Structures are given as C-alpha cells and as structure tokens.
Amino acid sequence: MTGVHRFPLDGGIRTAYLALLGSHTVLAMVALPLVLRTVWLSAVRGAFPQHRRIAVWTFPVWAYVSVTGVLVYLMLYHLPRWMA
C-alpha cells in the first residue's frame, strides 16, 4: 500500500469514489484549522462560549472527514476484490 494507487473500477462507482475523495480532501483541509482553533479556545484560553460556537461547525466537518477517510480506504483497497 505504497505509492500511487489508481481506482481500478469504471462507471458510476468510479464517479462516486472520486466525488467522495474530492469532498474528503477539501474538507480535510478545512478541518485542520477548525480543530486547531477549537482546541485553542478551550484548552489554552478557556474561552468556552467561543469554543462552543466554533465546535458546532468543527465536529460535523471532523466527523465527515473521519468517516469518508475509512470509506475511501475501503473503496480503493477492498471494493475491487468484493466486486470480483
């Protein structure tokens, strides 16, 4: 599992994979600053009202990125074997 791995299937499943991968990648980039800011507000500054305000956005983004990361892995490395 090293290097570049191309998605081996074609058709609608490939489109679904690429859409999932694209949304996962973009939101993973968004999630990092959100998570850092959320942790900073609570752990370092103790600014819990501001922490709660940003955590409402941070948690769903983080959860989506976490779940789609597992789905991308399963689709890339295991789905082709399951469909064979």
Protein backbone atom coordinates (compact mmCIF):
# COMPACT_ATOMS: atom_id res chain seq x y z
CA MET A 1 0.00 0.00 0.00
CA THR A 2 2.60 2.49 -1.04
CA GLY A 3 2.92 4.83 -3.96
CA VAL A 4 0.15 5.87 -6.32
CA HIS A 5 -2.92 3.65 -6.49
CA ARG A 6 -5.49 4.29 -9.20
CA PHE A 7 -9.11 3.33 -8.64
CA PRO A 8 -9.48 0.16 -10.72
CA LEU A 9 -13.24 0.19 -11.36
CA ASP A 10 -15.16 2.12 -14.03
CA GLY A 11 -18.58 3.65 -14.42
CA GLY A 12 -20.78 5.14 -11.75
CA ILE A 13 -18.81 3.63 -8.88
CA ARG A 14 -15.69 5.47 -10.09
CA THR A 15 -17.62 8.75 -10.20
CA ALA A 16 -18.93 8.13 -6.69
CA TYR A 17 -15.41 7.32 -5.47
CA LEU A 18 -13.93 10.47 -7.00
CA ALA A 19 -16.72 12.64 -5.57
CA LEU A 20 -16.20 11.13 -2.14
CA LEU A 21 -12.42 11.52 -2.40
CA GLY A 22 -12.74 15.14 -3.55
CA SER A 23 -15.11 16.16 -0.77
CA HIS A 24 -12.97 14.30 1.79
CA THR A 25 -9.81 16.08 0.62
CA VAL A 26 -11.31 19.57 0.61
CA LEU A 27 -12.98 19.18 3.98
CA ALA A 28 -9.82 17.65 5.47
CA MET A 29 -8.04 20.89 4.59
CA VAL A 30 -10.86 22.90 6.18
CA ALA A 31 -10.96 20.70 9.28
CA LEU A 32 -7.37 21.26 10.41
CA PRO A 33 -7.65 24.99 11.17
CA LEU A 34 -11.12 24.47 12.66
CA VAL A 35 -9.86 21.77 15.02
CA LEU A 36 -6.80 23.78 16.00
CA ARG A 37 -8.90 26.88 16.70
CA THR A 38 -11.47 24.87 18.68
CA VAL A 39 -8.78 23.29 20.85
CA TRP A 40 -7.02 26.62 21.30
CA LEU A 41 -10.19 28.31 22.51
CA SER A 42 -10.98 25.63 25.06
CA ALA A 43 -7.68 24.24 26.30
CA VAL A 44 -5.46 27.30 26.14
CA ARG A 45 -7.70 30.30 26.53
CA GLY A 46 -10.63 28.84 28.41
CA ALA A 47 -12.99 30.81 26.14
CA PHE A 48 -15.80 28.28 26.30
CA PRO A 49 -18.61 30.36 24.72
CA GLN A 50 -16.44 30.95 21.63
CA HIS A 51 -15.32 27.32 21.75
CA ARG A 52 -18.91 26.09 21.66
CA ARG A 53 -19.76 28.45 18.79
CA ILE A 54 -16.99 27.09 16.56
CA ALA A 55 -17.31 23.48 17.78
CA VAL A 56 -20.82 23.37 16.32
CA TRP A 57 -19.16 23.63 12.89
CA THR A 58 -15.96 21.74 13.69
CA PHE A 59 -17.50 18.49 14.89
CA PRO A 60 -19.62 17.71 11.79
CA VAL A 61 -16.72 18.52 9.46
CA TRP A 62 -14.33 16.39 11.52
CA ALA A 63 -16.85 13.53 11.70
CA TYR A 64 -17.45 13.62 7.91
CA VAL A 65 -13.71 13.58 7.21
CA SER A 66 -13.21 10.68 9.63
CA VAL A 67 -15.97 8.54 8.13
CA THR A 68 -15.14 9.32 4.50
CA GLY A 69 -11.47 8.52 5.12
CA VAL A 70 -12.44 4.99 6.07
CA LEU A 71 -14.82 4.75 3.10
CA VAL A 72 -12.15 5.95 0.66
CA TYR A 73 -9.74 3.34 2.04
CA LEU A 74 -12.33 0.56 1.76
CA MET A 75 -13.35 1.59 -1.75
CA LEU A 76 -9.77 1.80 -3.00
CA TYR A 77 -8.27 -1.31 -1.44
CA HIS A 78 -11.18 -3.69 -0.80
CA LEU A 79 -14.14 -2.88 -3.06
CA PRO A 80 -12.50 -4.23 -6.24
CA ARG A 81 -11.97 -7.61 -4.51
CA TRP A 82 -15.54 -7.64 -3.19
CA MET A 83 -16.95 -6.94 -6.67
CA ALA A 84 -14.83 -9.57 -8.43
